[in-house]
Amino acid sequence: MSASPDTPLVARGLERRFAGVPALRGVDLTVERGEVVALLGPNGAGKTTLLRVLGTQLRPSAGTFLVFGADARTRGPAVLRRLGVVGHESACYPDLTGEENLRFYARLYAVADADARVADALAWTRLGAAARRPARTYSRGMLQRLALARALLHGPDLVLLDEPFTGLDPDGTALVLRRLADVGRAGGAVVFSTHDAPGAATIATRAVVLRGGRVAWSGPAEGAAAAYAAEGGG
């Protein structure tokens, strides 16, 4: 399989089995620059597994996927620098302050203008007042915003998010939705899972509904709610 180095993601025939039990069954997915793609589906549909495979946290049992034309499984550091990933866990260090978490990540990725980037991240997440508190004292919503700031700090070209609105109040959700829409408008690409089909439609350019580890529907975000409901979603 080949793909243009300008195409953020091309996956073909992705499969993943756990102890012989299939979680993904031949998933095909292409994501272009500027796209914000919502992954929908009932619990157990394969959304988390797919995102973990695409984020290189799990190896597929079969199939291939390319990130900007490169095999993500063999071009580790070069590919990982272009990814921003948020999973179910925040991946923030609890005994570091919010600011220290971001500064540590900035050093790992050799972020230019780290001071300005960290300050901007604390501002847009509205964590400035808590910047010098240990992350273990943060609420679930604050940790989620810190995790999102961490994932976006180095300016990734492809952002993968598993239930990014978990723990967020309506204001926090709106804030994150705006930031993800900004990524798409700037020419990046976003893939995020959610159970909120109407909310996803406010920023998503396309929706993909999974069921039983397969793509059951793919189309305009405006049709996502009906498709999701038809596949057993909310």
Protein backbone atom coordinates (compact mmCIF):
# COMPACT_ATOMS: atom_id res chain seq x y z
CA MET A 1 0.00 0.00 0.00
CA SER A 2 1.19 3.52 -0.80
CA ALA A 3 -0.18 6.94 0.02
CA SER A 4 0.74 10.55 -0.57
CA PRO A 5 2.98 12.07 2.14
CA ASP A 6 0.35 14.82 2.33
CA THR A 7 -2.39 12.40 3.44
CA PRO A 8 -2.50 12.21 7.25
CA LEU A 9 -3.90 8.69 7.51
CA VAL A 10 -4.61 5.72 5.28
CA ALA A 11 -5.63 2.42 6.89
CA ARG A 12 -6.56 -0.73 5.01
CA GLY A 13 -7.93 -4.00 6.38
CA LEU A 14 -7.04 -3.29 10.00
CA GLU A 15 -7.70 -6.19 12.32
CA ARG A 16 -6.96 -6.66 15.99
CA ARG A 17 -7.65 -9.74 18.07
CA PHE A 18 -7.38 -10.23 21.81
CA ALA A 19 -6.83 -13.87 22.80
CA GLY A 20 -8.36 -14.84 19.48
CA VAL A 21 -11.41 -12.60 19.91
CA PRO A 22 -11.69 -10.00 17.12
CA ALA A 23 -12.04 -6.35 18.16
CA LEU A 24 -11.38 -4.91 14.69
CA ARG A 25 -12.51 -6.71 11.55
CA GLY A 26 -11.04 -5.24 8.38
CA VAL A 27 -11.34 -1.50 9.01
CA ASP A 28 -10.59 0.84 6.10
CA LEU A 29 -10.18 4.54 6.89
CA THR A 30 -8.67 7.50 5.04
CA VAL A 31 -8.37 10.94 6.65
CA GLU A 32 -7.36 13.97 4.62
CA ARG A 33 -5.90 17.29 5.74
CA GLY A 34 -8.51 19.60 7.21
CA GLU A 35 -10.82 16.76 8.19
CA VAL A 36 -12.29 16.38 11.66
CA VAL A 37 -13.64 12.83 11.83
CA ALA A 38 -15.95 11.63 14.60
CA LEU A 39 -15.89 7.91 15.46
CA LEU A 40 -19.27 6.79 16.76
CA GLY A 41 -20.65 3.47 17.86
CA PRO A 42 -22.00 1.58 20.87
CA ASN A 43 -19.75 0.29 23.64
CA GLY A 44 -17.58 -2.52 22.34
CA ALA A 45 -17.77 -1.32 18.74
CA GLY A 46 -13.97 -1.04 18.47
CA LYS A 47 -13.48 2.72 18.73
CA THR A 48 -10.85 2.63 21.48
CA THR A 49 -9.02 -0.28 19.89
CA LEU A 50 -8.89 1.49 16.53
CA LEU A 51 -7.52 4.68 18.08
CA ARG A 52 -4.91 2.75 20.05
CA VAL A 53 -3.75 0.98 16.87
CA LEU A 54 -3.60 4.25 14.93
CA GLY A 55 -1.74 5.89 17.81
CA THR A 56 0.85 3.04 17.68
CA GLN A 57 -0.03 1.86 21.21
CA LEU A 58 -1.23 -1.48 19.84
CA ARG A 59 0.05 -3.46 16.89
CA PRO A 60 -2.62 -4.59 14.42
CA SER A 61 -3.11 -8.32 14.02
CA ALA A 62 -3.49 -7.74 10.27
CA GLY A 63 -3.74 -4.87 7.82
CA THR A 64 -1.64 -1.79 7.24
CA PHE A 65 -1.77 1.91 7.98
CA LEU A 66 0.30 4.85 6.88
CA VAL A 67 0.71 8.20 8.61
CA PHE A 68 1.72 10.87 6.11
CA GLY A 69 2.87 8.16 3.73
CA ALA A 70 5.10 6.40 6.28
CA ASP A 71 4.53 3.04 7.93
CA ALA A 72 3.87 4.02 11.54
CA ARG A 73 5.13 0.67 12.80
CA THR A 74 8.64 1.08 11.39
CA ARG A 75 9.15 4.86 11.25
CA GLY A 76 8.64 5.42 14.98
CA PRO A 77 10.11 8.79 16.02
CA ALA A 78 9.53 10.50 12.68
CA VAL A 79 5.86 9.53 12.74
CA LEU A 80 5.27 10.02 16.45
CA ARG A 81 6.39 13.64 16.29
CA ARG A 82 3.45 14.30 13.95
CA LEU A 83 0.89 12.67 16.25
CA GLY A 84 -1.00 14.06 19.23
CA VAL A 85 -2.77 11.37 21.25
CA VAL A 86 -5.16 11.43 24.21
CA GLY A 87 -6.45 8.12 25.54
CA HIS A 88 -8.71 7.21 28.43
CA GLU A 89 -5.91 7.99 30.88
CA SER A 90 -4.54 11.52 31.05
CA ALA A 91 -0.86 10.39 30.90
CA CYS A 92 0.00 13.41 33.05
CA TYR A 93 2.44 13.01 35.94
CA PRO A 94 0.42 13.47 39.17
CA ASP A 95 3.27 14.86 41.29
CA LEU A 96 4.29 17.48 38.73
CA THR A 97 2.37 20.71 38.50
CA GLY A 98 0.30 21.44 35.44
CA GLU A 99 2.98 23.79 34.17
CA GLU A 100 5.76 21.28 34.87
CA ASN A 101 3.87 18.59 32.94
CA LEU A 102 3.71 20.84 29.91
CA ARG A 103 7.33 21.96 30.20
CA PHE A 104 8.51 18.36 30.48
CA TYR A 105 6.57 17.44 27.35
CA ALA A 106 7.91 20.51 25.54
CA ARG A 107 11.47 19.32 26.26
CA LEU A 108 10.69 15.80 25.05
CA TYR A 109 9.49 17.19 21.72
CA ALA A 110 12.06 19.98 21.49
CA VAL A 111 9.24 22.49 21.15
CA ALA A 112 10.42 25.85 19.86
CA ASP A 113 9.33 28.88 21.87
CA ALA A 114 8.41 26.55 24.72
CA ASP A 115 7.68 29.38 27.18
CA ALA A 116 5.15 30.96 24.84
CA ARG A 117 3.60 27.62 23.90
CA VAL A 118 3.17 26.58 27.54
CA ALA A 119 1.69 29.96 28.45
CA ASP A 120 -0.76 29.74 25.56
CA ALA A 121 -1.74 26.18 26.55
CA LEU A 122 -2.43 27.23 30.14
CA ALA A 123 -4.47 30.17 28.86
CA TRP A 124 -6.72 28.34 26.41
CA THR A 125 -7.35 25.50 28.86
CA ARG A 126 -8.10 28.05 31.60
CA LEU A 127 -5.62 26.33 33.91
CA GLY A 128 -3.48 29.38 34.60
CA ALA A 129 -4.70 29.76 38.17
CA ALA A 130 -3.88 26.10 38.89
CA ALA A 131 -0.63 25.98 36.89
CA ARG A 132 1.56 25.53 39.99
CA ARG A 133 -0.59 22.97 41.72
CA PRO A 134 0.28 19.25 41.48
CA ALA A 135 -1.81 17.53 38.84
CA ARG A 136 -3.02 15.03 41.46
CA THR A 137 -5.08 17.87 42.98
CA TYR A 138 -6.90 18.53 39.69
CA SER A 139 -10.50 17.57 39.07
CA ARG A 140 -11.29 15.08 36.30
CA GLY A 141 -12.20 17.91 33.95
CA MET A 142 -9.01 19.84 34.71
CA LEU A 143 -6.91 16.73 34.07
CA GLN A 144 -8.69 16.22 30.77
CA ARG A 145 -7.92 19.78 29.69
CA LEU A 146 -4.28 19.33 30.74
CA ALA A 147 -4.05 16.11 28.73
CA LEU A 148 -5.45 17.88 25.67
CA ALA A 149 -3.00 20.75 26.11
CA ARG A 150 -0.16 18.23 26.36
CA ALA A 151 -1.25 16.46 23.18
CA LEU A 152 -1.50 19.69 21.17
CA LEU A 153 1.58 21.43 22.58
CA HIS A 154 4.01 20.40 19.84
CA GLY A 155 1.63 21.30 17.01
CA PRO A 156 0.85 17.78 15.75
CA ASP A 157 -0.49 17.31 12.22
CA LEU A 158 -2.74 14.38 13.20
CA VAL A 159 -4.63 14.34 16.49
CA LEU A 160 -6.22 11.13 17.85
CA LEU A 161 -8.58 11.47 20.81
CA ASP A 162 -10.53 8.84 22.72
CA GLU A 163 -13.61 10.38 24.37
CA PRO A 164 -11.99 13.83 24.73
CA PHE A 165 -15.04 15.36 26.44
CA THR A 166 -15.02 12.98 29.41
CA GLY A 167 -15.31 14.89 32.67
CA LEU A 168 -15.82 18.26 30.98
CA ASP A 169 -18.69 20.59 31.79
CA PRO A 170 -20.55 22.30 28.92
CA ASP A 171 -18.15 25.26 28.91
CA GLY A 172 -15.12 22.96 28.86
CA THR A 173 -16.66 20.88 26.07
CA ALA A 174 -17.31 23.99 23.98
CA LEU A 175 -13.74 25.16 24.58
CA VAL A 176 -12.28 21.86 23.39
CA LEU A 177 -14.61 21.67 20.40
CA ARG A 178 -13.39 25.10 19.28
CA ARG A 179 -9.75 24.07 19.66
CA LEU A 180 -10.21 20.88 17.63
CA ALA A 181 -12.04 22.81 14.92
CA ASP A 182 -9.05 25.18 14.82
CA VAL A 183 -6.73 22.23 14.15
CA GLY A 184 -8.79 21.26 11.12
CA ARG A 185 -8.99 24.83 9.83
CA ALA A 186 -5.20 25.10 10.10
CA GLY A 187 -4.78 22.09 7.79
CA GLY A 188 -4.28 19.39 10.41
CA ALA A 189 -6.50 16.36 10.86
CA VAL A 190 -8.46 15.12 13.87
CA VAL A 191 -10.03 11.75 14.65
CA PHE A 192 -12.00 11.53 17.89
CA SER A 193 -14.39 9.04 19.44
CA THR A 194 -17.54 10.09 21.22
CA HIS A 195 -21.05 8.96 22.13
CA ASP A 196 -22.38 12.48 21.54
CA ALA A 197 -23.43 12.41 17.89
CA PRO A 198 -25.20 15.81 17.92
CA GLY A 199 -22.21 17.43 19.64
CA ALA A 200 -19.79 15.81 17.20
CA ALA A 201 -21.75 17.20 14.29
CA THR A 202 -21.00 20.75 15.43
CA ILE A 203 -17.35 20.45 14.34
CA ALA A 204 -16.92 17.14 12.50
CA THR A 205 -16.60 17.25 8.73
CA ARG A 206 -17.35 13.53 8.55
CA ALA A 207 -18.54 10.76 10.83
CA VAL A 208 -17.71 7.05 10.88
CA VAL A 209 -19.93 4.61 12.75
CA LEU A 210 -18.36 1.37 13.97
CA ARG A 211 -20.24 -1.73 14.98
CA GLY A 212 -18.75 -5.10 15.84
CA GLY A 213 -15.28 -3.93 14.82
CA ARG A 214 -16.39 -2.95 11.31
CA VAL A 215 -17.23 0.33 9.59
CA ALA A 216 -21.02 0.25 9.47
CA TRP A 217 -21.52 3.75 8.05
CA SER A 218 -19.46 6.69 6.86
CA GLY A 219 -20.78 10.00 5.67
CA PRO A 220 -21.49 13.66 6.37
CA ALA A 221 -21.51 14.58 10.04
CA GLU A 222 -25.08 15.89 9.70
CA GLY A 223 -26.31 12.35 9.20
CA ALA A 224 -24.33 10.89 12.07
CA ALA A 225 -27.04 11.01 14.74
CA ALA A 226 -29.49 8.96 12.69
CA ALA A 227 -26.81 6.49 11.62
CA TYR A 228 -25.56 6.14 15.19
CA ALA A 229 -29.06 5.50 16.50
CA ALA A 230 -29.62 2.89 13.79
CA GLU A 231 -26.48 1.08 14.92
CA GLY A 232 -27.60 0.90 18.54
CA GLY A 233 -26.14 4.16 19.83
CA GLY A 234 -27.83 6.81 21.93
